[in-house]
Amino acid sequence: MLQKLLPKADTLPYLRYAIALIFLTHGITRIRIDGVEGFGEFLSSSGFPAGVVIAWAITVFELAGACLLALDIGARVVAALFVLELLCGIALVHFSEGWFVVGAGRNGFEYSFLLIVSLLTIILSDPKPATQA
């Protein structure tokens, strides 16, 4: 019944827009609060050489990648790189904190997990959705 009321639509763009907004605001906020330097120092203390350079590269990628994802330019490649970024975040920070981000825990990886599944949906989606019947 619901299918008769609502026309079929390609909903994948909405997922791309939502994820792009998340990464875009993440990158902008990191710059606005001068968090790039602190992020870089964390990376350096975790054994990465040139932590601040890596932090800037990640931040710039979040900004540019978000725009590319929203515009569907290389979306699968961008999504795969975002998955890699999130997996690194889980390995470096979130896994040791457990599953929950808030509530029964703090700073866990449930949010990253949801983003990864959403990004995998983009990566694995049919590049040309079927036309409406």
N, C-alpha and C. Protein backbone atom coordinates (compact mmCIF):
# COMPACT_ATOMS: atom_id res chain seq x y z
N MET A 1 0.81 -1.20 0.00
CA MET A 1 0.00 0.00 0.00
C MET A 1 0.85 1.26 0.00
N LEU A 2 1.86 1.26 0.85
CA LEU A 2 2.73 2.43 0.93
C LEU A 2 3.45 2.68 -0.39
N GLN A 3 3.81 1.59 -1.08
CA GLN A 3 4.50 1.73 -2.37
C GLN A 3 3.62 2.41 -3.40
N LYS A 4 2.31 2.25 -3.30
CA LYS A 4 1.40 2.91 -4.23
C LYS A 4 1.30 4.40 -3.94
N LEU A 5 1.43 4.77 -2.68
CA LEU A 5 1.32 6.18 -2.30
C LEU A 5 2.59 6.96 -2.58
N LEU A 6 3.71 6.31 -2.40
CA LEU A 6 4.99 6.98 -2.58
C LEU A 6 5.68 6.47 -3.84
N PRO A 7 6.08 7.37 -4.72
CA PRO A 7 6.76 6.91 -5.93
C PRO A 7 8.15 6.39 -5.59
N LYS A 8 8.62 5.45 -6.41
CA LYS A 8 9.98 4.96 -6.23
C LYS A 8 10.94 6.09 -6.56
N ALA A 9 11.98 6.18 -5.78
CA ALA A 9 12.96 7.24 -6.01
C ALA A 9 14.34 6.70 -5.69
N ASP A 10 15.32 7.30 -6.30
CA ASP A 10 16.70 6.97 -5.98
C ASP A 10 17.03 7.69 -4.68
N THR A 11 17.14 6.94 -3.60
CA THR A 11 17.38 7.54 -2.28
C THR A 11 18.85 7.63 -1.93
N LEU A 12 19.70 7.03 -2.73
CA LEU A 12 21.13 7.05 -2.44
C LEU A 12 21.71 8.47 -2.35
N PRO A 13 21.28 9.41 -3.19
CA PRO A 13 21.81 10.76 -3.03
C PRO A 13 21.59 11.33 -1.63
N TYR A 14 20.46 11.04 -1.01
CA TYR A 14 20.20 11.56 0.33
C TYR A 14 21.20 11.01 1.35
N LEU A 15 21.57 9.75 1.18
CA LEU A 15 22.58 9.16 2.05
C LEU A 15 23.93 9.85 1.82
N ARG A 16 24.27 10.07 0.55
CA ARG A 16 25.52 10.77 0.25
C ARG A 16 25.53 12.17 0.84
N TYR A 17 24.41 12.90 0.72
CA TYR A 17 24.34 14.26 1.25
C TYR A 17 24.52 14.27 2.77
N ALA A 18 23.85 13.34 3.44
CA ALA A 18 23.92 13.29 4.90
C ALA A 18 25.34 12.99 5.38
N ILE A 19 25.98 12.00 4.75
CA ILE A 19 27.34 11.65 5.15
C ILE A 19 28.30 12.78 4.81
N ALA A 20 28.11 13.40 3.65
CA ALA A 20 28.96 14.53 3.27
C ALA A 20 28.84 15.65 4.29
N LEU A 21 27.63 15.92 4.74
CA LEU A 21 27.43 16.98 5.74
C LEU A 21 28.17 16.66 7.04
N ILE A 22 28.13 15.40 7.44
CA ILE A 22 28.83 15.00 8.66
C ILE A 22 30.34 15.24 8.54
N PHE A 23 30.95 14.79 7.44
CA PHE A 23 32.39 14.97 7.28
C PHE A 23 32.76 16.43 7.07
N LEU A 24 31.93 17.16 6.34
CA LEU A 24 32.20 18.58 6.10
C LEU A 24 32.20 19.35 7.42
N THR A 25 31.18 19.15 8.24
CA THR A 25 31.12 19.87 9.51
C THR A 25 32.25 19.42 10.45
N HIS A 26 32.65 18.17 10.34
CA HIS A 26 33.74 17.67 11.17
C HIS A 26 35.04 18.40 10.81
N GLY A 27 35.32 18.50 9.51
CA GLY A 27 36.53 19.19 9.08
C GLY A 27 36.50 20.67 9.40
N ILE A 28 35.37 21.34 9.15
CA ILE A 28 35.24 22.77 9.44
C ILE A 28 35.42 23.03 10.93
N THR A 29 34.78 22.22 11.74
CA THR A 29 34.88 22.40 13.19
C THR A 29 36.31 22.20 13.67
N ARG A 30 37.00 21.21 13.12
CA ARG A 30 38.39 20.98 13.54
C ARG A 30 39.24 22.21 13.26
N ILE A 31 39.00 22.86 12.13
CA ILE A 31 39.76 24.07 11.79
C ILE A 31 39.33 25.23 12.69
N ARG A 32 38.03 25.41 12.87
CA ARG A 32 37.51 26.55 13.64
C ARG A 32 37.97 26.54 15.09
N ILE A 33 38.08 25.37 15.69
CA ILE A 33 38.47 25.32 17.11
C ILE A 33 39.97 25.08 17.28
N ASP A 34 40.70 25.26 16.19
CA ASP A 34 42.15 25.02 16.22
C ASP A 34 42.48 23.61 16.68
N GLY A 35 41.66 22.66 16.26
CA GLY A 35 41.86 21.28 16.66
C GLY A 35 42.83 20.50 15.79
N VAL A 36 43.25 21.09 14.68
CA VAL A 36 44.16 20.35 13.78
C VAL A 36 45.50 20.11 14.47
N GLU A 37 46.00 21.11 15.15
CA GLU A 37 47.28 20.96 15.84
C GLU A 37 47.21 19.88 16.92
N GLY A 38 46.14 19.91 17.71
CA GLY A 38 45.97 18.90 18.76
C GLY A 38 45.82 17.50 18.19
N PHE A 39 45.08 17.40 17.08
CA PHE A 39 44.92 16.12 16.40
C PHE A 39 46.28 15.64 15.91
N GLY A 40 47.06 16.56 15.36
CA GLY A 40 48.40 16.21 14.88
C GLY A 40 49.31 15.75 16.00
N GLU A 41 49.22 16.41 17.13
CA GLU A 41 50.03 16.01 18.29
C GLU A 41 49.62 14.62 18.76
N PHE A 42 48.31 14.34 18.75
CA PHE A 42 47.84 12.99 19.11
C PHE A 42 48.42 11.96 18.15
N LEU A 43 48.37 12.25 16.85
CA LEU A 43 48.91 11.31 15.87
C LEU A 43 50.40 11.08 16.09
N SER A 44 51.14 12.16 16.35
CA SER A 44 52.58 12.03 16.61
C SER A 44 52.84 11.18 17.85
N SER A 45 52.03 11.41 18.91
CA SER A 45 52.22 10.63 20.14
C SER A 45 51.81 9.16 19.95
N SER A 46 51.04 8.90 18.90
CA SER A 46 50.64 7.52 18.58
C SER A 46 51.64 6.83 17.65
N GLY A 47 52.73 7.54 17.33
CA GLY A 47 53.79 6.93 16.53
C GLY A 47 53.81 7.32 15.06
N PHE A 48 52.91 8.20 14.66
CA PHE A 48 52.90 8.64 13.26
C PHE A 48 53.91 9.76 13.06
N PRO A 49 54.75 9.66 12.02
CA PRO A 49 55.66 10.76 11.75
C PRO A 49 54.87 11.93 11.14
N ALA A 50 55.32 13.14 11.43
CA ALA A 50 54.68 14.33 10.86
C ALA A 50 53.18 14.36 11.15
N GLY A 51 52.83 14.19 12.40
CA GLY A 51 51.43 14.10 12.80
C GLY A 51 50.59 15.30 12.38
N VAL A 52 51.16 16.50 12.49
CA VAL A 52 50.40 17.69 12.13
C VAL A 52 50.14 17.72 10.62
N VAL A 53 51.11 17.29 9.83
CA VAL A 53 50.92 17.23 8.38
C VAL A 53 49.81 16.23 8.04
N ILE A 54 49.83 15.09 8.69
CA ILE A 54 48.79 14.08 8.46
C ILE A 54 47.44 14.63 8.90
N ALA A 55 47.39 15.32 10.03
CA ALA A 55 46.14 15.89 10.52
C ALA A 55 45.57 16.89 9.52
N TRP A 56 46.42 17.72 8.95
CA TRP A 56 45.96 18.67 7.94
C TRP A 56 45.48 17.94 6.68
N ALA A 57 46.20 16.91 6.29
CA ALA A 57 45.80 16.15 5.10
C ALA A 57 44.43 15.50 5.32
N ILE A 58 44.20 14.94 6.49
CA ILE A 58 42.91 14.33 6.80
C ILE A 58 41.81 15.39 6.80
N THR A 59 42.10 16.53 7.40
CA THR A 59 41.11 17.61 7.48
C THR A 59 40.76 18.13 6.10
N VAL A 60 41.76 18.35 5.27
CA VAL A 60 41.50 18.82 3.90
C VAL A 60 40.73 17.76 3.13
N PHE A 61 41.09 16.49 3.33
CA PHE A 61 40.34 15.43 2.65
C PHE A 61 38.89 15.41 3.11
N GLU A 62 38.64 15.61 4.40
CA GLU A 62 37.26 15.63 4.86
C GLU A 62 36.46 16.74 4.17
N LEU A 63 37.07 17.89 3.99
CA LEU A 63 36.39 19.00 3.32
C LEU A 63 36.18 18.72 1.84
N ALA A 64 37.24 18.35 1.15
CA ALA A 64 37.15 18.10 -0.29
C ALA A 64 36.34 16.83 -0.57
N GLY A 65 36.60 15.78 0.21
CA GLY A 65 35.89 14.52 0.02
C GLY A 65 34.40 14.66 0.24
N ALA A 66 34.01 15.47 1.22
CA ALA A 66 32.59 15.70 1.47
C ALA A 66 31.93 16.35 0.26
N CYS A 67 32.61 17.33 -0.32
CA CYS A 67 32.06 17.99 -1.52
C CYS A 67 31.96 17.01 -2.68
N LEU A 68 33.00 16.23 -2.89
CA LEU A 68 32.98 15.24 -3.98
C LEU A 68 31.89 14.20 -3.77
N LEU A 69 31.73 13.75 -2.53
CA LEU A 69 30.70 12.76 -2.22
C LEU A 69 29.31 13.34 -2.50
N ALA A 70 29.07 14.56 -2.06
CA ALA A 70 27.77 15.20 -2.28
C ALA A 70 27.48 15.37 -3.77
N LEU A 71 28.51 15.68 -4.53
CA LEU A 71 28.35 15.90 -5.97
C LEU A 71 28.42 14.61 -6.78
N ASP A 72 28.64 13.49 -6.11
CA ASP A 72 28.75 12.18 -6.75
C ASP A 72 29.90 12.14 -7.76
N ILE A 73 31.00 12.74 -7.38
CA ILE A 73 32.22 12.72 -8.20
C ILE A 73 33.20 11.77 -7.50
N GLY A 74 33.41 10.61 -8.11
CA GLY A 74 34.30 9.62 -7.49
C GLY A 74 33.78 9.15 -6.15
N ALA A 75 32.46 9.10 -6.02
CA ALA A 75 31.84 8.81 -4.71
C ALA A 75 32.31 7.50 -4.10
N ARG A 76 32.48 6.47 -4.92
CA ARG A 76 32.89 5.18 -4.37
C ARG A 76 34.32 5.23 -3.82
N VAL A 77 35.19 5.89 -4.53
CA VAL A 77 36.58 6.01 -4.06
C VAL A 77 36.63 6.85 -2.79
N VAL A 78 35.92 7.97 -2.80
CA VAL A 78 35.87 8.84 -1.62
C VAL A 78 35.29 8.08 -0.44
N ALA A 79 34.20 7.35 -0.68
CA ALA A 79 33.58 6.57 0.40
C ALA A 79 34.56 5.54 0.96
N ALA A 80 35.32 4.89 0.09
CA ALA A 80 36.30 3.90 0.54
C ALA A 80 37.38 4.56 1.39
N LEU A 81 37.81 5.74 1.01
CA LEU A 81 38.83 6.46 1.79
C LEU A 81 38.26 6.90 3.14
N PHE A 82 37.00 7.31 3.15
CA PHE A 82 36.36 7.64 4.44
C PHE A 82 36.27 6.40 5.33
N VAL A 83 35.97 5.24 4.75
CA VAL A 83 35.94 3.99 5.53
C VAL A 83 37.31 3.74 6.14
N LEU A 84 38.35 3.91 5.36
CA LEU A 84 39.71 3.73 5.87
C LEU A 84 39.99 4.69 7.03
N GLU A 85 39.60 5.94 6.87
CA GLU A 85 39.78 6.92 7.95
C GLU A 85 39.05 6.48 9.21
N LEU A 86 37.82 6.04 9.07
CA LEU A 86 37.03 5.61 10.22
C LEU A 86 37.61 4.36 10.88
N LEU A 87 38.09 3.42 10.08
CA LEU A 87 38.72 2.22 10.65
C LEU A 87 39.96 2.57 11.44
N CYS A 88 40.73 3.52 10.95
CA CYS A 88 41.91 3.99 11.70
C CYS A 88 41.49 4.62 13.02
N GLY A 89 40.41 5.42 12.98
CA GLY A 89 39.90 6.04 14.20
C GLY A 89 39.44 5.01 15.21
N ILE A 90 38.79 3.96 14.71
CA ILE A 90 38.36 2.88 15.60
C ILE A 90 39.57 2.21 16.22
N ALA A 91 40.57 1.91 15.41
CA ALA A 91 41.76 1.22 15.91
C ALA A 91 42.54 2.07 16.91
N LEU A 92 42.65 3.36 16.63
CA LEU A 92 43.47 4.23 17.48
C LEU A 92 42.76 4.71 18.74
N VAL A 93 41.45 4.89 18.68
CA VAL A 93 40.74 5.54 19.78
C VAL A 93 39.53 4.75 20.27
N HIS A 94 38.62 4.48 19.38
CA HIS A 94 37.28 4.08 19.79
C HIS A 94 37.14 2.64 20.26
N PHE A 95 37.87 1.71 19.68
CA PHE A 95 37.70 0.30 20.04
C PHE A 95 37.99 0.06 21.51
N SER A 96 39.02 0.67 22.01
CA SER A 96 39.37 0.46 23.42
C SER A 96 38.33 1.06 24.36
N GLU A 97 37.48 1.95 23.84
CA GLU A 97 36.44 2.59 24.66
C GLU A 97 35.14 1.79 24.66
N GLY A 98 35.07 0.75 23.81
CA GLY A 98 33.87 -0.08 23.76
C GLY A 98 32.92 0.35 22.65
N TRP A 99 31.71 -0.14 22.72
CA TRP A 99 30.72 0.07 21.66
C TRP A 99 30.05 1.44 21.74
N PHE A 100 29.59 1.83 22.92
CA PHE A 100 28.73 3.00 23.07
C PHE A 100 29.47 4.32 22.99
N VAL A 101 28.86 5.27 22.29
CA VAL A 101 29.41 6.63 22.21
C VAL A 101 28.99 7.40 23.46
N VAL A 102 27.75 7.24 23.88
CA VAL A 102 27.24 7.87 25.10
C VAL A 102 26.36 6.86 25.82
N GLY A 103 25.95 7.20 27.01
CA GLY A 103 25.05 6.32 27.77
C GLY A 103 25.82 5.28 28.55
N ALA A 104 25.81 4.07 28.05
CA ALA A 104 26.47 2.96 28.75
C ALA A 104 27.98 2.97 28.57
N GLY A 105 28.48 3.93 27.85
CA GLY A 105 29.92 4.06 27.63
C GLY A 105 30.23 5.47 27.15
N ARG A 106 31.45 5.68 26.71
CA ARG A 106 31.85 6.99 26.23
C ARG A 106 32.90 6.83 25.15
N ASN A 107 32.70 7.50 24.02
CA ASN A 107 33.68 7.55 22.94
C ASN A 107 33.89 6.20 22.25
N GLY A 108 32.88 5.34 22.27
CA GLY A 108 32.97 4.04 21.63
C GLY A 108 32.85 4.14 20.11
N PHE A 109 32.70 3.00 19.46
CA PHE A 109 32.76 2.99 17.99
C PHE A 109 31.42 2.77 17.29
N GLU A 110 30.30 2.84 18.01
CA GLU A 110 29.01 2.60 17.36
C GLU A 110 28.71 3.61 16.25
N TYR A 111 29.04 4.86 16.44
CA TYR A 111 28.80 5.90 15.45
C TYR A 111 29.66 5.65 14.20
N SER A 112 30.91 5.33 14.41
CA SER A 112 31.80 5.01 13.28
C SER A 112 31.30 3.78 12.53
N PHE A 113 30.80 2.81 13.27
CA PHE A 113 30.25 1.60 12.65
C PHE A 113 29.08 1.95 11.72
N LEU A 114 28.19 2.80 12.20
CA LEU A 114 27.05 3.21 11.38
C LEU A 114 27.50 3.95 10.13
N LEU A 115 28.48 4.84 10.27
CA LEU A 115 29.01 5.55 9.11
C LEU A 115 29.66 4.58 8.13
N ILE A 116 30.39 3.60 8.63
CA ILE A 116 31.04 2.62 7.75
C ILE A 116 30.00 1.83 6.97
N VAL A 117 28.96 1.37 7.64
CA VAL A 117 27.91 0.62 6.95
C VAL A 117 27.23 1.51 5.90
N SER A 118 27.01 2.76 6.22
CA SER A 118 26.40 3.69 5.27
C SER A 118 27.31 3.91 4.07
N LEU A 119 28.59 4.07 4.33
CA LEU A 119 29.56 4.26 3.24
C LEU A 119 29.67 3.00 2.39
N LEU A 120 29.63 1.83 3.03
CA LEU A 120 29.65 0.58 2.26
C LEU A 120 28.41 0.46 1.38
N THR A 121 27.30 0.98 1.82
CA THR A 121 26.09 0.99 1.00
C THR A 121 26.33 1.80 -0.27
N ILE A 122 27.02 2.91 -0.14
CA ILE A 122 27.35 3.74 -1.31
C ILE A 122 28.31 2.98 -2.22
N ILE A 123 29.34 2.38 -1.63
CA ILE A 123 30.35 1.68 -2.41
C ILE A 123 29.74 0.51 -3.19
N LEU A 124 28.84 -0.21 -2.55
CA LEU A 124 28.29 -1.43 -3.14
C LEU A 124 27.00 -1.21 -3.94
N SER A 125 26.54 0.03 -3.99
CA SER A 125 25.28 0.30 -4.69
C SER A 125 25.45 0.20 -6.20
N ASP A 126 24.34 -0.05 -6.85
CA ASP A 126 24.28 -0.09 -8.30
C ASP A 126 24.55 1.33 -8.82
N PRO A 127 25.57 1.50 -9.66
CA PRO A 127 25.89 2.86 -10.10
C PRO A 127 24.77 3.50 -10.92
N LYS A 128 23.93 2.70 -11.54
CA LYS A 128 22.82 3.24 -12.32
C LYS A 128 21.55 2.56 -11.86
N PRO A 129 20.84 3.19 -10.93
CA PRO A 129 19.62 2.57 -10.42
C PRO A 129 18.61 2.32 -11.54
N ALA A 130 17.81 1.28 -11.34
CA ALA A 130 16.79 0.96 -12.34
C ALA A 130 15.80 2.09 -12.44
N THR A 131 15.30 2.31 -13.62
CA THR A 131 14.30 3.37 -13.81
C THR A 131 12.98 2.93 -13.22
N GLN A 132 12.16 3.90 -12.94
CA GLN A 132 10.85 3.60 -12.34
C GLN A 132 10.00 2.79 -13.30
N ALA A 133 9.28 1.88 -12.72
CA ALA A 133 8.39 1.04 -13.53
C ALA A 133 7.00 1.62 -13.57
